[in-house]
């Protein structure tokens, strides 16, 4: 994966609703309707994302990816910088 790949991933991250996203699973986290992912916006709570056919694990993964992917990009860049300064 090169820097161009990271920039493309980062562009998709930047285009998505700001985080954090929270996974709410019916019967596990609440009992008032369906399972959904709560997003954030600049004003506060954003639009909910409702998924059809997703398992609880899939929904949790999607919600966590909003925070996990930027952290992974930062770590890749940190490690590359470290490698560049030590070689």
N, C-alpha and C. Protein backbone atom coordinates (compact mmCIF):
# COMPACT_ATOMS: atom_id res chain seq x y z
N UNK A 1 0.86 -1.17 0.00
CA UNK A 1 0.00 0.00 0.00
C UNK A 1 0.90 1.23 0.00
N UNK A 2 0.72 2.08 -0.99
CA UNK A 2 1.56 3.28 -1.07
C UNK A 2 0.79 4.51 -0.57
N UNK A 3 1.45 5.65 -0.60
CA UNK A 3 0.85 6.88 -0.08
C UNK A 3 -0.40 7.27 -0.87
N UNK A 4 -0.41 7.00 -2.17
CA UNK A 4 -1.60 7.30 -2.97
C UNK A 4 -2.80 6.48 -2.49
N UNK A 5 -2.58 5.21 -2.17
CA UNK A 5 -3.65 4.38 -1.61
C UNK A 5 -4.18 4.98 -0.32
N UNK A 6 -3.26 5.40 0.56
CA UNK A 6 -3.67 6.00 1.83
C UNK A 6 -4.47 7.28 1.61
N UNK A 7 -4.04 8.09 0.63
CA UNK A 7 -4.77 9.34 0.34
C UNK A 7 -6.19 9.04 -0.16
N UNK A 8 -6.33 8.00 -0.98
CA UNK A 8 -7.66 7.64 -1.48
C UNK A 8 -8.56 7.16 -0.33
N UNK A 9 -8.01 6.35 0.55
CA UNK A 9 -8.78 5.89 1.72
C UNK A 9 -9.14 7.08 2.59
N UNK A 10 -8.17 7.96 2.81
CA UNK A 10 -8.40 9.14 3.64
C UNK A 10 -9.48 10.05 3.04
N UNK A 11 -9.53 10.15 1.71
CA UNK A 11 -10.57 10.95 1.05
C UNK A 11 -11.95 10.36 1.32
N UNK A 12 -12.06 9.04 1.32
CA UNK A 12 -13.35 8.41 1.64
C UNK A 12 -13.72 8.66 3.09
N UNK A 13 -12.74 8.59 3.98
CA UNK A 13 -12.98 8.89 5.40
C UNK A 13 -13.49 10.32 5.54
N UNK A 14 -12.80 11.26 4.89
CA UNK A 14 -13.16 12.67 5.01
C UNK A 14 -14.53 12.98 4.43
N UNK A 15 -14.97 12.21 3.44
CA UNK A 15 -16.28 12.43 2.81
C UNK A 15 -17.43 11.87 3.65
N UNK A 16 -17.13 10.95 4.55
CA UNK A 16 -18.16 10.33 5.39
C UNK A 16 -18.58 11.27 6.51
N UNK A 17 -19.72 10.98 7.12
CA UNK A 17 -20.17 11.75 8.28
C UNK A 17 -19.10 11.68 9.36
N UNK A 18 -18.90 12.79 10.09
CA UNK A 18 -17.88 12.77 11.14
C UNK A 18 -18.21 11.74 12.22
N UNK A 19 -17.21 11.30 12.90
CA UNK A 19 -17.40 10.33 13.97
C UNK A 19 -17.52 11.00 15.31
N UNK A 20 -17.67 10.25 16.34
CA UNK A 20 -17.73 8.80 16.28
C UNK A 20 -19.10 8.30 15.84
N UNK A 21 -19.13 7.10 15.31
CA UNK A 21 -20.38 6.43 15.02
C UNK A 21 -20.62 5.42 16.12
N UNK A 22 -21.88 5.23 16.46
CA UNK A 22 -22.24 4.30 17.53
C UNK A 22 -23.21 3.26 17.00
N UNK A 23 -22.90 2.00 17.23
CA UNK A 23 -23.77 0.90 16.83
C UNK A 23 -24.79 0.65 17.94
N UNK A 24 -26.06 0.67 17.58
CA UNK A 24 -27.15 0.37 18.51
C UNK A 24 -27.87 -0.88 18.00
N UNK A 25 -27.74 -1.97 18.73
CA UNK A 25 -28.34 -3.24 18.33
C UNK A 25 -29.62 -3.46 19.13
N UNK A 26 -30.72 -3.67 18.41
CA UNK A 26 -32.01 -3.94 19.04
C UNK A 26 -31.89 -5.19 19.91
N UNK A 27 -32.32 -5.08 21.15
CA UNK A 27 -32.27 -6.20 22.08
C UNK A 27 -30.98 -6.30 22.86
N UNK A 28 -29.94 -5.66 22.39
CA UNK A 28 -28.67 -5.64 23.11
C UNK A 28 -28.45 -4.27 23.75
N UNK A 29 -28.65 -3.22 22.98
CA UNK A 29 -28.37 -1.86 23.45
C UNK A 29 -29.63 -1.05 23.73
N UNK A 30 -30.73 -1.45 23.15
CA UNK A 30 -32.00 -0.75 23.35
C UNK A 30 -33.14 -1.65 22.93
N UNK A 31 -34.36 -1.26 23.29
CA UNK A 31 -35.54 -2.06 22.93
C UNK A 31 -36.64 -1.15 22.40
N UNK A 32 -36.28 -0.28 21.48
CA UNK A 32 -37.26 0.70 21.01
C UNK A 32 -37.36 0.78 19.50
N UNK A 33 -37.15 -0.31 18.79
CA UNK A 33 -37.25 -0.26 17.34
C UNK A 33 -36.27 -1.18 16.66
N UNK A 34 -35.53 -0.64 15.70
CA UNK A 34 -34.60 -1.46 14.92
C UNK A 34 -33.16 -1.16 15.29
N UNK A 35 -32.27 -1.99 14.79
CA UNK A 35 -30.84 -1.74 14.95
C UNK A 35 -30.41 -0.65 13.98
N UNK A 36 -29.45 0.17 14.37
CA UNK A 36 -28.98 1.26 13.52
C UNK A 36 -27.61 1.73 13.97
N UNK A 37 -26.96 2.53 13.11
CA UNK A 37 -25.72 3.19 13.46
C UNK A 37 -26.02 4.68 13.59
N UNK A 38 -25.70 5.23 14.73
CA UNK A 38 -25.88 6.67 14.98
C UNK A 38 -24.62 7.40 14.50
N UNK A 39 -24.80 8.41 13.66
CA UNK A 39 -23.67 9.21 13.19
C UNK A 39 -23.69 10.57 13.85
N UNK A 40 -22.65 11.33 13.62
CA UNK A 40 -22.55 12.69 14.14
C UNK A 40 -22.46 13.65 12.97
N UNK A 41 -22.83 14.89 13.22
CA UNK A 41 -22.66 15.96 12.24
C UNK A 41 -22.02 17.14 12.96
N UNK A 42 -21.72 18.20 12.23
CA UNK A 42 -21.13 19.38 12.86
C UNK A 42 -22.07 19.97 13.91
N UNK A 43 -23.36 19.76 13.75
CA UNK A 43 -24.35 20.30 14.67
C UNK A 43 -24.67 19.36 15.83
N UNK A 44 -24.18 18.15 15.79
CA UNK A 44 -24.50 17.17 16.84
C UNK A 44 -24.84 15.84 16.21
N UNK A 45 -25.98 15.29 16.61
CA UNK A 45 -26.37 13.99 16.08
C UNK A 45 -26.70 14.10 14.60
N UNK A 46 -26.18 13.15 13.83
CA UNK A 46 -26.43 13.13 12.39
C UNK A 46 -27.52 12.13 12.04
N UNK A 47 -27.58 11.79 10.78
CA UNK A 47 -28.57 10.82 10.31
C UNK A 47 -28.19 9.42 10.79
N UNK A 48 -29.21 8.62 11.05
CA UNK A 48 -28.98 7.22 11.41
C UNK A 48 -28.79 6.40 10.14
N UNK A 49 -27.97 5.37 10.23
CA UNK A 49 -27.78 4.43 9.14
C UNK A 49 -28.46 3.13 9.55
N UNK A 50 -29.43 2.70 8.76
CA UNK A 50 -30.11 1.43 9.04
C UNK A 50 -29.69 0.42 7.98
N UNK A 51 -29.26 -0.73 8.43
CA UNK A 51 -28.77 -1.78 7.54
C UNK A 51 -29.74 -2.95 7.54
N UNK A 52 -30.01 -3.47 6.37
CA UNK A 52 -30.85 -4.66 6.25
C UNK A 52 -29.96 -5.87 6.06
N UNK A 53 -30.19 -6.90 6.84
CA UNK A 53 -29.46 -8.14 6.67
C UNK A 53 -28.08 -8.18 7.29
N UNK A 54 -27.68 -7.13 7.98
CA UNK A 54 -26.35 -7.12 8.62
C UNK A 54 -26.42 -7.84 9.96
N UNK A 55 -25.40 -8.62 10.24
CA UNK A 55 -25.31 -9.22 11.56
C UNK A 55 -24.90 -8.14 12.56
N UNK A 56 -25.07 -8.42 13.84
CA UNK A 56 -24.62 -7.48 14.87
C UNK A 56 -23.13 -7.22 14.74
N UNK A 57 -22.36 -8.27 14.47
CA UNK A 57 -20.91 -8.12 14.31
C UNK A 57 -20.57 -7.23 13.12
N UNK A 58 -21.29 -7.40 12.00
CA UNK A 58 -21.05 -6.56 10.82
C UNK A 58 -21.37 -5.10 11.14
N UNK A 59 -22.49 -4.86 11.79
CA UNK A 59 -22.88 -3.49 12.13
C UNK A 59 -21.87 -2.86 13.07
N UNK A 60 -21.42 -3.60 14.08
CA UNK A 60 -20.41 -3.09 15.01
C UNK A 60 -19.12 -2.75 14.27
N UNK A 61 -18.74 -3.61 13.32
CA UNK A 61 -17.53 -3.38 12.53
C UNK A 61 -17.64 -2.10 11.72
N UNK A 62 -18.76 -1.92 11.03
CA UNK A 62 -18.97 -0.72 10.21
C UNK A 62 -18.91 0.54 11.06
N UNK A 63 -19.57 0.52 12.20
CA UNK A 63 -19.57 1.69 13.08
C UNK A 63 -18.17 1.99 13.60
N UNK A 64 -17.44 0.96 13.99
CA UNK A 64 -16.09 1.16 14.53
C UNK A 64 -15.10 1.61 13.45
N UNK A 65 -15.34 1.22 12.21
CA UNK A 65 -14.43 1.58 11.12
C UNK A 65 -14.28 3.09 10.98
N UNK A 66 -15.32 3.85 11.34
CA UNK A 66 -15.26 5.31 11.23
C UNK A 66 -14.12 5.88 12.08
N UNK A 67 -13.84 5.28 13.21
CA UNK A 67 -12.73 5.72 14.07
C UNK A 67 -11.47 4.88 13.84
N UNK A 68 -11.65 3.61 13.54
CA UNK A 68 -10.49 2.72 13.37
C UNK A 68 -9.65 3.07 12.15
N UNK A 69 -10.30 3.38 11.03
CA UNK A 69 -9.55 3.62 9.80
C UNK A 69 -8.66 4.85 9.90
N UNK A 70 -9.14 6.00 10.40
CA UNK A 70 -8.23 7.14 10.56
C UNK A 70 -7.05 6.81 11.49
N UNK A 71 -7.31 6.05 12.54
CA UNK A 71 -6.23 5.67 13.46
C UNK A 71 -5.21 4.77 12.75
N UNK A 72 -5.68 3.85 11.93
CA UNK A 72 -4.76 2.98 11.19
C UNK A 72 -3.94 3.76 10.18
N UNK A 73 -4.56 4.71 9.48
CA UNK A 73 -3.82 5.55 8.54
C UNK A 73 -2.72 6.32 9.27
N UNK A 74 -3.06 6.91 10.40
CA UNK A 74 -2.07 7.66 11.18
C UNK A 74 -0.92 6.75 11.63
N UNK A 75 -1.24 5.53 12.03
CA UNK A 75 -0.20 4.60 12.48
C UNK A 75 0.70 4.17 11.33
N UNK A 76 0.14 3.92 10.16
CA UNK A 76 0.95 3.57 8.99
C UNK A 76 1.92 4.71 8.68
N UNK A 77 1.41 5.94 8.69
CA UNK A 77 2.28 7.09 8.40
C UNK A 77 3.34 7.27 9.48
N UNK A 78 2.98 7.07 10.74
CA UNK A 78 3.95 7.19 11.83
C UNK A 78 5.07 6.17 11.67
N UNK A 79 4.70 4.93 11.37
CA UNK A 79 5.70 3.88 11.20
C UNK A 79 6.57 4.12 9.98
N UNK A 80 5.98 4.61 8.90
CA UNK A 80 6.78 4.93 7.71
C UNK A 80 7.76 6.05 8.01
N UNK A 81 7.30 7.06 8.74
CA UNK A 81 8.18 8.16 9.11
C UNK A 81 9.33 7.65 9.99
N UNK A 82 9.01 6.78 10.91
CA UNK A 82 10.03 6.19 11.78
C UNK A 82 11.06 5.40 10.96
N UNK A 83 10.57 4.64 10.00
CA UNK A 83 11.47 3.88 9.13
C UNK A 83 12.36 4.81 8.31
N UNK A 84 11.77 5.91 7.82
CA UNK A 84 12.53 6.86 7.01
C UNK A 84 13.62 7.54 7.83
N UNK A 85 13.36 7.82 9.09
CA UNK A 85 14.33 8.53 9.92
C UNK A 85 15.42 7.61 10.47
N UNK A 86 15.16 6.30 10.47
CA UNK A 86 16.16 5.37 10.99
C UNK A 86 16.98 4.68 9.89
N UNK A 87 16.64 4.94 8.64
CA UNK A 87 17.39 4.28 7.57
C UNK A 87 18.34 5.22 6.87
